[in-house]
Amino acid sequence: MRVSASRRRPSTLVAVVARIYRGGVAAGMVRPRGDAWSKAMRRAATAMGMAPMLAACGCTTVDPGPNFSIANTSFDGDYFYCHVEPQFIVAKHCGPGGPSDSNSCHFVPSAVSGMVLLDHPPVDCGGGDHPVDTTQIGTGSPAQSNLEAVSFEMSKDYTTAPIYVRPSGSGNALYHPRQIFDPGDVTVIQLLSTWASK
């Protein structure tokens, strides 16, 4: 006898149990009575409820999506304190903004969605590449907070980093209210490309 397609592939575990039961009865098996049948159906229902959870536990990979990035990339702190912060962040007025910005830039947390900066005296590097007074850059210091905030906007490929794309006007204008520097600004390119390589 030929079995129809709908009977060949039961869609649920309960259907499988029912089919096995019908097959057992047809083969002369004794039908479980009362409590035994209820237990069998409860077990089938429990197994059916557990199946998606067990399938989910078997997943060993996650698709990171198109905007995957590694946020914990670290960039050289000394180079930031001695070059990037004074020659880029401070020189371009990223914290207070320009005269027409009415203090609505990165020193004001409620005015920006990212890269909140703290005002602090310049880190003394003695004209070199390393801070002279390490108390200025210690844990919890404004300088360290700025390093963390700016590093989060930096990338090993500085041309795709928000710290370059947004204020240069290379990206979507919604990300930054005005252009701070030209995309071809040699000083900015040199600073960011050097920092990216450290």
Protein backbone atom coordinates (compact mmCIF):
# COMPACT_ATOMS: atom_id res chain seq x y z
CA MET A 1 0.00 0.00 0.00
CA ARG A 2 1.35 3.43 -0.94
CA VAL A 3 1.52 6.09 1.83
CA SER A 4 0.54 9.65 0.90
CA ALA A 5 3.11 12.46 1.25
CA SER A 6 1.22 14.04 4.13
CA ARG A 7 1.41 10.78 6.10
CA ARG A 8 5.07 10.19 5.25
CA ARG A 9 6.30 13.39 6.97
CA PRO A 10 4.59 14.18 10.24
CA SER A 11 5.12 17.84 11.02
CA THR A 12 5.24 17.58 14.81
CA LEU A 13 6.54 15.25 17.45
CA VAL A 14 2.98 14.57 18.59
CA ALA A 15 2.16 13.43 15.05
CA VAL A 16 5.18 11.12 15.14
CA VAL A 17 4.06 9.62 18.47
CA ALA A 18 0.51 9.18 17.13
CA ARG A 19 1.80 7.52 13.98
CA ILE A 20 3.99 5.14 15.98
CA TYR A 21 1.01 4.38 18.21
CA ARG A 22 -1.24 3.66 15.21
CA GLY A 23 1.47 1.50 13.68
CA GLY A 24 1.86 -0.42 16.95
CA VAL A 25 -1.87 -1.04 17.25
CA ALA A 26 -1.98 -2.23 13.64
CA ALA A 27 0.87 -4.63 14.43
CA GLY A 28 -1.08 -6.09 17.34
CA MET A 29 0.54 -4.15 20.17
CA VAL A 30 -1.52 -3.36 23.21
CA ARG A 31 -2.64 0.29 23.49
CA PRO A 32 -1.35 1.96 26.67
CA ARG A 33 -4.27 2.79 28.93
CA GLY A 34 -5.05 5.73 31.21
CA ASP A 35 -2.04 7.18 32.98
CA ALA A 36 0.53 5.46 30.73
CA TRP A 37 -0.94 7.13 27.62
CA SER A 38 -1.02 10.54 29.38
CA LYS A 39 2.64 10.16 30.41
CA ALA A 40 3.62 9.30 26.85
CA MET A 41 1.82 12.35 25.49
CA ARG A 42 3.34 14.63 28.19
CA ARG A 43 6.81 13.36 27.34
CA ALA A 44 6.19 14.00 23.65
CA ALA A 45 4.95 17.53 24.39
CA THR A 46 7.95 18.21 26.65
CA ALA A 47 10.33 16.94 23.99
CA MET A 48 8.59 19.11 21.38
CA GLY A 49 8.95 22.16 23.62
CA MET A 50 12.62 21.40 24.27
CA ALA A 51 13.53 20.88 20.61
CA PRO A 52 13.96 24.58 19.67
CA MET A 53 16.04 25.19 22.80
CA LEU A 54 18.28 22.23 22.05
CA ALA A 55 18.64 23.36 18.45
CA ALA A 56 19.64 26.84 19.64
CA CYS A 57 22.25 25.37 21.99
CA GLY A 58 23.85 23.63 19.04
CA CYS A 59 24.64 26.91 17.29
CA THR A 60 28.39 27.55 17.45
CA THR A 61 28.72 30.65 15.25
CA VAL A 62 27.10 34.07 15.12
CA ASP A 63 26.84 36.24 12.03
CA PRO A 64 28.39 39.59 13.07
CA GLY A 65 26.56 41.50 10.35
CA PRO A 66 27.87 44.10 7.89
CA ASN A 67 28.96 46.69 10.50
CA PHE A 68 31.18 44.40 12.54
CA SER A 69 34.02 46.14 14.35
CA ILE A 70 36.38 45.30 17.17
CA ALA A 71 35.96 48.02 19.77
CA ASN A 72 38.90 47.01 21.95
CA THR A 73 41.65 48.01 19.52
CA SER A 74 44.20 49.95 21.51
CA PHE A 75 46.13 52.90 20.21
CA ASP A 76 49.33 54.38 21.60
CA GLY A 77 48.42 56.61 24.54
CA ASP A 78 51.66 58.59 24.57
CA TYR A 79 51.25 59.54 20.91
CA PHE A 80 47.71 60.66 21.65
CA TYR A 81 48.70 62.80 24.65
CA CYS A 82 51.71 64.38 22.95
CA HIS A 83 50.47 64.77 19.36
CA VAL A 84 46.86 63.85 18.54
CA GLU A 85 45.20 65.70 21.43
CA PRO A 86 47.16 68.97 21.24
CA GLN A 87 47.58 69.14 17.44
CA PHE A 88 44.18 67.81 16.41
CA ILE A 89 41.57 67.66 19.20
CA VAL A 90 42.62 70.98 20.83
CA ALA A 91 43.80 72.72 17.64
CA LYS A 92 40.51 71.99 15.86
CA HIS A 93 38.45 73.07 18.92
CA CYS A 94 36.67 69.70 19.15
CA GLY A 95 35.79 70.31 22.82
CA PRO A 96 34.41 73.87 22.96
CA GLY A 97 33.72 74.27 19.25
CA GLY A 98 34.17 77.42 17.25
CA PRO A 99 32.77 80.90 17.98
CA SER A 100 29.48 80.09 16.22
CA ASP A 101 28.95 76.76 18.01
CA SER A 102 27.66 78.24 21.30
CA ASN A 103 29.35 75.58 23.45
CA SER A 104 27.43 72.72 21.89
CA CYS A 105 30.37 70.52 21.00
CA HIS A 106 32.23 67.63 22.65
CA PHE A 107 32.63 69.23 26.11
CA VAL A 108 28.84 69.09 26.47
CA PRO A 109 27.65 65.46 26.91
CA SER A 110 24.03 66.33 26.11
CA ALA A 111 25.06 67.94 22.82
CA VAL A 112 26.88 64.94 21.33
CA SER A 113 26.01 61.29 20.83
CA GLY A 114 29.60 60.13 21.20
CA MET A 115 33.17 61.16 21.99
CA VAL A 116 32.47 63.22 25.10
CA LEU A 117 35.64 65.14 25.96
CA LEU A 118 36.86 66.66 29.22
CA ASP A 119 38.70 69.97 29.41
CA HIS A 120 42.11 69.75 31.09
CA PRO A 121 45.53 71.44 31.05
CA PRO A 122 47.81 70.22 28.24
CA VAL A 123 49.76 67.06 29.04
CA ASP A 124 53.43 68.01 29.46
CA CYS A 125 55.49 65.99 27.00
CA GLY A 126 58.56 68.27 27.22
CA GLY A 127 58.55 68.64 23.44
CA GLY A 128 59.00 64.88 22.98
CA ASP A 129 56.88 61.81 22.40
CA HIS A 130 56.19 60.77 26.00
CA PRO A 131 54.45 62.51 28.91
CA VAL A 132 56.88 63.89 31.49
CA ASP A 133 54.39 63.92 34.40
CA THR A 134 52.51 60.61 34.51
CA THR A 135 50.09 61.91 37.15
CA GLN A 136 48.43 63.90 34.35
CA ILE A 137 47.48 60.71 32.53
CA GLY A 138 46.68 58.38 35.44
CA THR A 139 43.56 56.27 35.87
CA GLY A 140 40.46 58.44 36.02
CA SER A 141 42.25 61.54 34.73
CA PRO A 142 40.55 63.76 32.14
CA ALA A 143 43.41 63.05 29.71
CA GLN A 144 42.86 59.29 30.00
CA SER A 145 39.11 59.76 29.59
CA ASN A 146 39.76 61.69 26.36
CA LEU A 147 42.11 58.96 25.12
CA GLU A 148 39.38 56.35 25.64
CA ALA A 149 36.68 58.50 24.01
CA VAL A 150 38.77 59.32 20.94
CA SER A 151 40.16 55.77 20.61
CA PHE A 152 36.61 54.46 20.35
CA GLU A 153 36.17 56.68 17.25
CA MET A 154 39.52 55.61 15.75
CA SER A 155 40.31 52.69 13.46
CA LYS A 156 43.46 51.02 12.15
CA ASP A 157 42.27 52.26 8.76
CA TYR A 158 41.96 55.92 9.70
CA THR A 159 40.20 56.78 6.40
CA THR A 160 37.14 54.86 7.62
CA ALA A 161 37.39 56.01 11.24
CA PRO A 162 34.58 58.27 12.53
CA ILE A 163 37.24 60.65 13.97
CA TYR A 164 38.29 61.35 10.36
CA VAL A 165 35.10 60.76 8.32
CA ARG A 166 32.60 62.81 10.35
CA PRO A 167 34.41 66.11 10.97
CA SER A 168 35.95 66.12 7.47
CA GLY A 169 32.52 65.99 5.88
CA SER A 170 33.42 62.74 4.08
CA GLY A 171 30.50 60.90 5.65
CA ASN A 172 26.85 61.62 6.23
CA ALA A 173 26.34 65.23 7.33
CA LEU A 174 23.89 64.03 10.01
CA TYR A 175 26.83 62.71 11.99
CA HIS A 176 28.54 66.07 12.38
CA PRO A 177 26.99 69.54 12.30
CA ARG A 178 29.77 71.15 10.26
CA GLN A 179 33.02 70.44 8.46
CA ILE A 180 35.98 70.94 10.83
CA PHE A 181 38.80 70.20 8.38
CA ASP A 182 39.28 69.39 4.72
CA PRO A 183 39.60 65.65 3.89
CA GLY A 184 43.00 66.45 2.37
CA ASP A 185 44.34 68.25 5.48
CA VAL A 186 47.95 67.01 5.56
CA THR A 187 48.40 67.64 9.30
CA VAL A 188 45.34 65.59 10.24
CA ILE A 189 46.21 62.82 7.80
CA GLN A 190 49.76 62.60 9.15
CA LEU A 191 48.60 62.55 12.78
CA LEU A 192 45.88 59.93 12.29
CA SER A 193 47.84 57.68 9.94
CA THR A 194 50.81 57.68 12.34
CA TRP A 195 48.56 57.02 15.35
CA ALA A 196 46.80 54.19 13.47
CA SER A 197 50.14 52.50 12.82
CA LYS A 198 51.29 52.63 16.47
